[in-house]
Amino acid sequence: MKFSNLSIRVKLFVGFGLILLLAILVGLFGYNGLQKIQTQETIASEITNVEANFLYARLSTLTFMSLQQDSWADEAKSAITATETSNAHLLSILDSQERLANINKLKSSIEDYRQGLNNIISSVKEQQALQAKMKEIYQQMLALAKEKKGVEGSQAFVLFLRARVNEYEYSRFLK
């Protein structure tokens, strides 16, 4: 049976059938390609979220260190939590073992950063407590100096005490 011997009706069915098959194949390949693009876009979006949250955590930490306000410590902690959440979501959508290994490394880095943040917060709290104690000692020394106002050299005594307080405070922060 030769193709030339077939009726026009069969030739048209075969021709349109091949075109339909090609259209279906093109559609399947296009759909598969769009799914891959969508997956890559989702991954890129999650990576951007992880990066943005991590940068915000760093900014909050630096702001907390400079201003020493507890609200910024809370902001930094919540940003780290958001980073961990984004990272967990990223882990759930990745399929490549190489990518999973990199994200697991990122997860451990985030944990290290969280530990460092907690250390910074406790150090700043210690610093604040120490400054409050030093201020209290300084006030007591001034009161003592005022009591000895009539004593010769009380001004020298106050200067000596100020120098000792500053020396102690400086040596404490060097540790």
Protein backbone atom coordinates (compact mmCIF):
# COMPACT_ATOMS: atom_id res chain seq x y z
CA MET A 1 0.00 0.00 0.00
CA LYS A 2 1.60 3.19 -1.21
CA PHE A 3 0.81 6.65 0.06
CA SER A 4 0.03 7.77 -3.47
CA ASN A 5 -2.63 5.06 -3.78
CA LEU A 6 -4.56 6.26 -0.72
CA SER A 7 -7.68 8.34 -1.08
CA ILE A 8 -7.62 12.07 -0.51
CA ARG A 9 -9.69 11.60 2.63
CA VAL A 10 -7.06 9.29 4.22
CA LYS A 11 -4.22 11.56 3.08
CA LEU A 12 -5.92 14.56 4.73
CA PHE A 13 -6.49 12.60 7.96
CA VAL A 14 -2.86 11.46 8.03
CA GLY A 15 -1.59 14.99 7.27
CA PHE A 16 -3.78 16.67 9.86
CA GLY A 17 -3.05 13.87 12.32
CA LEU A 18 0.71 14.49 11.98
CA ILE A 19 0.19 18.22 12.38
CA LEU A 20 -1.97 17.56 15.46
CA LEU A 21 0.70 15.24 16.88
CA LEU A 22 3.39 17.89 16.29
CA ALA A 23 1.20 20.55 17.92
CA ILE A 24 0.66 18.30 20.95
CA LEU A 25 4.42 17.64 21.22
CA VAL A 26 5.23 21.35 20.94
CA GLY A 27 2.59 22.11 23.57
CA LEU A 28 3.97 19.48 25.97
CA PHE A 29 7.54 20.71 25.56
CA GLY A 30 6.37 24.30 26.03
CA TYR A 31 4.37 23.41 29.13
CA ASN A 32 7.33 21.51 30.59
CA GLY A 33 9.62 24.47 29.86
CA LEU A 34 7.20 26.89 31.54
CA GLN A 35 7.01 24.66 34.60
CA LYS A 36 10.82 24.68 34.86
CA ILE A 37 10.87 28.47 34.49
CA GLN A 38 8.22 28.80 37.18
CA THR A 39 10.20 26.55 39.51
CA GLN A 40 13.39 28.53 38.88
CA GLU A 41 11.52 31.78 39.50
CA THR A 42 10.17 30.43 42.80
CA ILE A 43 13.65 29.35 43.86
CA ALA A 44 15.10 32.74 42.90
CA SER A 45 12.33 34.49 44.82
CA GLU A 46 12.98 32.41 47.93
CA ILE A 47 16.72 33.01 47.69
CA THR A 48 15.97 36.73 47.47
CA ASN A 49 13.75 36.45 50.57
CA VAL A 50 16.49 34.64 52.49
CA GLU A 51 19.02 37.27 51.47
CA ALA A 52 16.71 40.20 52.29
CA ASN A 53 15.83 38.78 55.71
CA PHE A 54 19.47 38.07 56.48
CA LEU A 55 20.50 41.60 55.48
CA TYR A 56 17.71 43.03 57.64
CA ALA A 57 18.95 40.90 60.54
CA ARG A 58 22.45 42.30 60.06
CA LEU A 59 21.12 45.86 59.89
CA SER A 60 19.02 45.34 63.02
CA THR A 61 22.01 43.87 64.84
CA LEU A 62 24.23 46.80 63.91
CA THR A 63 21.51 49.27 64.91
CA PHE A 64 21.06 47.45 68.22
CA MET A 65 24.80 47.58 68.84
CA SER A 66 24.95 51.32 68.19
CA LEU A 67 21.70 52.41 69.85
CA GLN A 68 21.48 49.65 72.49
CA GLN A 69 17.69 49.58 72.37
CA ASP A 70 15.95 46.28 73.10
CA SER A 71 13.44 46.81 70.30
CA TRP A 72 16.24 46.46 67.74
CA ALA A 73 17.38 43.21 69.37
CA ASP A 74 13.83 41.90 68.96
CA GLU A 75 13.84 43.07 65.32
CA ALA A 76 17.09 41.21 64.69
CA LYS A 77 15.71 38.04 66.29
CA SER A 78 12.52 38.19 64.23
CA ALA A 79 14.54 38.77 61.05
CA ILE A 80 16.65 35.69 61.83
CA THR A 81 13.46 33.69 62.38
CA ALA A 82 12.09 34.93 59.04
CA THR A 83 15.38 33.94 57.41
CA GLU A 84 15.09 30.44 58.86
CA THR A 85 11.49 30.18 57.64
CA SER A 86 12.44 31.27 54.12
CA ASN A 87 15.37 28.85 54.16
CA ALA A 88 13.09 25.97 55.25
CA HIS A 89 10.67 26.78 52.42
CA LEU A 90 13.58 26.90 50.00
CA LEU A 91 14.72 23.47 51.19
CA SER A 92 11.24 22.07 50.56
CA ILE A 93 11.14 23.17 46.91
CA LEU A 94 14.67 22.28 45.83
CA ASP A 95 15.28 19.06 43.97
CA SER A 96 19.00 19.04 43.21
CA GLN A 97 21.29 17.43 45.79
CA GLU A 98 24.01 19.99 45.09
CA ARG A 99 21.61 22.83 45.77
CA LEU A 100 20.34 21.12 48.90
CA ALA A 101 23.90 20.83 50.19
CA ASN A 102 24.46 24.56 49.63
CA ILE A 103 21.21 25.47 51.36
CA ASN A 104 22.10 23.21 54.30
CA LYS A 105 25.39 25.10 54.58
CA LEU A 106 23.37 28.32 54.59
CA LYS A 107 21.18 26.86 57.33
CA SER A 108 24.20 26.21 59.54
CA SER A 109 25.51 29.73 58.81
CA ILE A 110 22.17 31.18 59.88
CA GLU A 111 22.37 29.19 63.12
CA ASP A 112 25.90 30.50 63.70
CA TYR A 113 24.66 34.03 63.09
CA ARG A 114 21.78 33.50 65.54
CA GLN A 115 24.27 32.33 68.18
CA GLY A 116 26.50 35.34 67.47
CA LEU A 117 23.50 37.65 67.74
CA ASN A 118 22.59 36.17 71.12
CA ASN A 119 26.20 36.70 72.25
CA ILE A 120 26.11 40.31 71.07
CA ILE A 121 22.83 40.92 72.87
CA SER A 122 24.15 39.49 76.11
CA SER A 123 27.38 41.51 75.77
CA VAL A 124 25.47 44.72 75.22
CA LYS A 125 23.23 43.94 78.19
CA GLU A 126 26.34 43.36 80.32
CA GLN A 127 27.79 46.62 79.05
CA GLN A 128 24.59 48.48 79.95
CA ALA A 129 24.58 46.95 83.44
CA LEU A 130 28.23 47.84 83.90
CA GLN A 131 27.65 51.41 82.76
CA ALA A 132 24.75 51.73 85.19
CA LYS A 133 26.92 50.37 88.02
CA MET A 134 29.78 52.71 87.09
CA LYS A 135 27.39 55.65 87.07
CA GLU A 136 26.16 54.66 90.51
CA ILE A 137 29.73 54.40 91.83
CA TYR A 138 30.58 57.75 90.29
CA GLN A 139 27.54 59.36 91.97
CA GLN A 140 28.58 57.86 95.30
CA MET A 141 32.12 59.19 94.85
CA LEU A 142 30.80 62.66 94.06
CA ALA A 143 28.63 62.57 97.16
CA LEU A 144 31.65 61.51 99.20
CA ALA A 145 33.71 64.33 97.72
CA LYS A 146 30.95 66.87 98.52
CA GLU A 147 30.94 65.68 102.12
CA LYS A 148 34.67 66.42 102.31
CA LYS A 149 34.28 69.79 100.63
CA GLY A 150 36.17 71.66 103.27
CA VAL A 151 39.04 69.19 103.24
CA GLU A 152 42.15 70.36 101.43
CA GLY A 153 42.59 68.62 98.06
CA SER A 154 39.00 67.36 97.59
CA GLN A 155 39.12 68.43 93.94
CA ALA A 156 42.22 66.35 93.43
CA PHE A 157 40.41 63.46 95.11
CA VAL A 158 37.49 63.72 92.66
CA LEU A 159 39.85 63.83 89.69
CA PHE A 160 41.69 60.81 91.03
CA LEU A 161 38.41 58.90 91.42
CA ARG A 162 37.25 59.86 87.91
CA ALA A 163 40.51 58.58 86.49
CA ARG A 164 40.16 55.29 88.37
CA VAL A 165 36.57 54.83 87.14
CA ASN A 166 37.58 55.52 83.55
CA GLU A 167 40.55 53.19 83.83
CA TYR A 168 38.37 50.41 85.24
CA GLU A 169 35.68 50.91 82.62
CA TYR A 170 38.26 50.89 79.80
CA SER A 171 39.96 47.73 81.06
CA ARG A 172 36.57 46.01 81.43
CA PHE A 173 35.65 46.65 77.79
CA LEU A 174 38.98 45.42 76.52
CA LYS A 175 38.23 41.94 77.89
